[in-house]
Amino acid sequence: MGQGIYVVGILVDNRASRAPEVQDVLTRHGSTILSRNGIPDPSRSRGIITVTMQADQADSEKFTAELRGIEGVRAQAMHLGEALN
């Protein structure tokens, strides 16, 4: 299987304390990320981030597993289809 387009939903509890760890994962996978949208409202203790990425299945799974490895972070990926070359 080649490159695909994935949308990853990320829910971060205790956003202020978890943000640096989440950002580290996003930075490590930055070459696969096409877009990122977050709700950075300081009055909310939860953060919601959506990421669109172009990656192979193994890289998508690694990305979501790294996020899930952070306490208080939930991540779910959805494969939309194959990437166009």
Protein backbone atom coordinates (compact mmCIF):
# COMPACT_ATOMS: atom_id res chain seq x y z
CA MET A 1 0.00 0.00 0.00
CA GLY A 2 1.34 3.45 -0.90
CA GLN A 3 0.76 6.86 0.52
CA GLY A 4 -2.71 7.71 1.74
CA ILE A 5 -4.56 10.73 3.07
CA TYR A 6 -5.44 10.47 6.77
CA VAL A 7 -7.37 12.78 9.07
CA VAL A 8 -6.40 12.43 12.72
CA GLY A 9 -8.57 13.78 15.52
CA ILE A 10 -6.73 14.55 18.75
CA LEU A 11 -8.35 15.35 22.09
CA VAL A 12 -5.98 16.67 24.76
CA ASP A 13 -7.06 16.79 28.41
CA ASN A 14 -5.15 19.23 30.63
CA ARG A 15 -4.08 21.04 27.50
CA ALA A 16 -1.68 23.43 29.20
CA SER A 17 0.44 20.65 30.70
CA ARG A 18 0.25 18.20 27.76
CA ALA A 19 0.85 20.67 24.92
CA PRO A 20 4.68 20.37 24.87
CA GLU A 21 4.56 16.57 24.53
CA VAL A 22 1.90 16.75 21.82
CA GLN A 23 3.90 19.41 19.97
CA ASP A 24 7.00 17.17 20.05
CA VAL A 25 5.07 14.40 18.29
CA LEU A 26 3.65 16.83 15.74
CA THR A 27 7.13 18.19 15.05
CA ARG A 28 8.64 14.71 14.59
CA HIS A 29 5.97 13.89 12.00
CA GLY A 30 5.90 17.34 10.42
CA SER A 31 7.07 16.13 7.02
CA THR A 32 3.83 14.13 6.63
CA ILE A 33 1.44 16.80 7.94
CA LEU A 34 -0.46 18.73 5.26
CA SER A 35 -2.60 20.83 7.62
CA ARG A 36 -3.31 21.31 11.29
CA ASN A 37 -6.23 23.01 12.99
CA GLY A 38 -6.52 23.55 16.72
CA ILE A 39 -8.79 25.24 19.19
CA PRO A 40 -6.42 27.14 21.49
CA ASP A 41 -8.96 28.73 23.82
CA PRO A 42 -7.09 29.35 27.10
CA SER A 43 -10.31 29.14 29.11
CA ARG A 44 -10.79 25.50 28.13
CA SER A 45 -8.89 22.73 29.84
CA ARG A 46 -9.27 20.51 26.77
CA GLY A 47 -7.73 21.02 23.39
CA ILE A 48 -9.01 19.72 20.09
CA ILE A 49 -6.65 19.33 17.14
CA THR A 50 -7.31 17.95 13.68
CA VAL A 51 -4.41 16.96 11.45
CA THR A 52 -4.52 16.02 7.78
CA MET A 53 -1.53 14.00 6.72
CA GLN A 54 -0.15 12.20 3.70
CA ALA A 55 1.64 9.09 4.86
CA ASP A 56 1.76 5.35 4.49
CA GLN A 57 -0.31 3.27 6.88
CA ALA A 58 2.64 2.40 9.14
CA ASP A 59 3.56 6.07 9.62
CA SER A 60 -0.05 6.99 10.36
CA GLU A 61 -0.29 4.23 12.94
CA LYS A 62 3.02 5.25 14.52
CA PHE A 63 1.85 8.88 14.75
CA THR A 64 -1.42 7.98 16.48
CA ALA A 65 0.32 5.46 18.78
CA GLU A 66 2.82 8.10 19.91
CA LEU A 67 -0.01 10.50 20.67
CA ARG A 68 -1.96 7.83 22.56
CA GLY A 69 1.17 7.15 24.60
CA ILE A 70 0.82 10.57 26.21
CA GLU A 71 -1.33 10.51 29.33
CA GLY A 72 -4.59 12.39 28.79
CA VAL A 73 -4.39 12.32 24.98
CA ARG A 74 -6.77 10.46 22.69
CA ALA A 75 -6.16 10.15 18.97
CA GLN A 76 -8.11 8.48 16.18
CA ALA A 77 -7.13 8.28 12.51
CA MET A 78 -9.40 7.90 9.51
CA HIS A 79 -8.05 6.86 6.10
CA LEU A 80 -9.78 8.87 3.39
CA GLY A 81 -8.13 7.35 0.34
CA GLU A 82 -4.97 7.01 -1.64
CA ALA A 83 -2.79 10.06 -2.22
CA LEU A 84 -2.49 11.42 -5.73
CA ASN A 85 0.97 11.61 -7.23
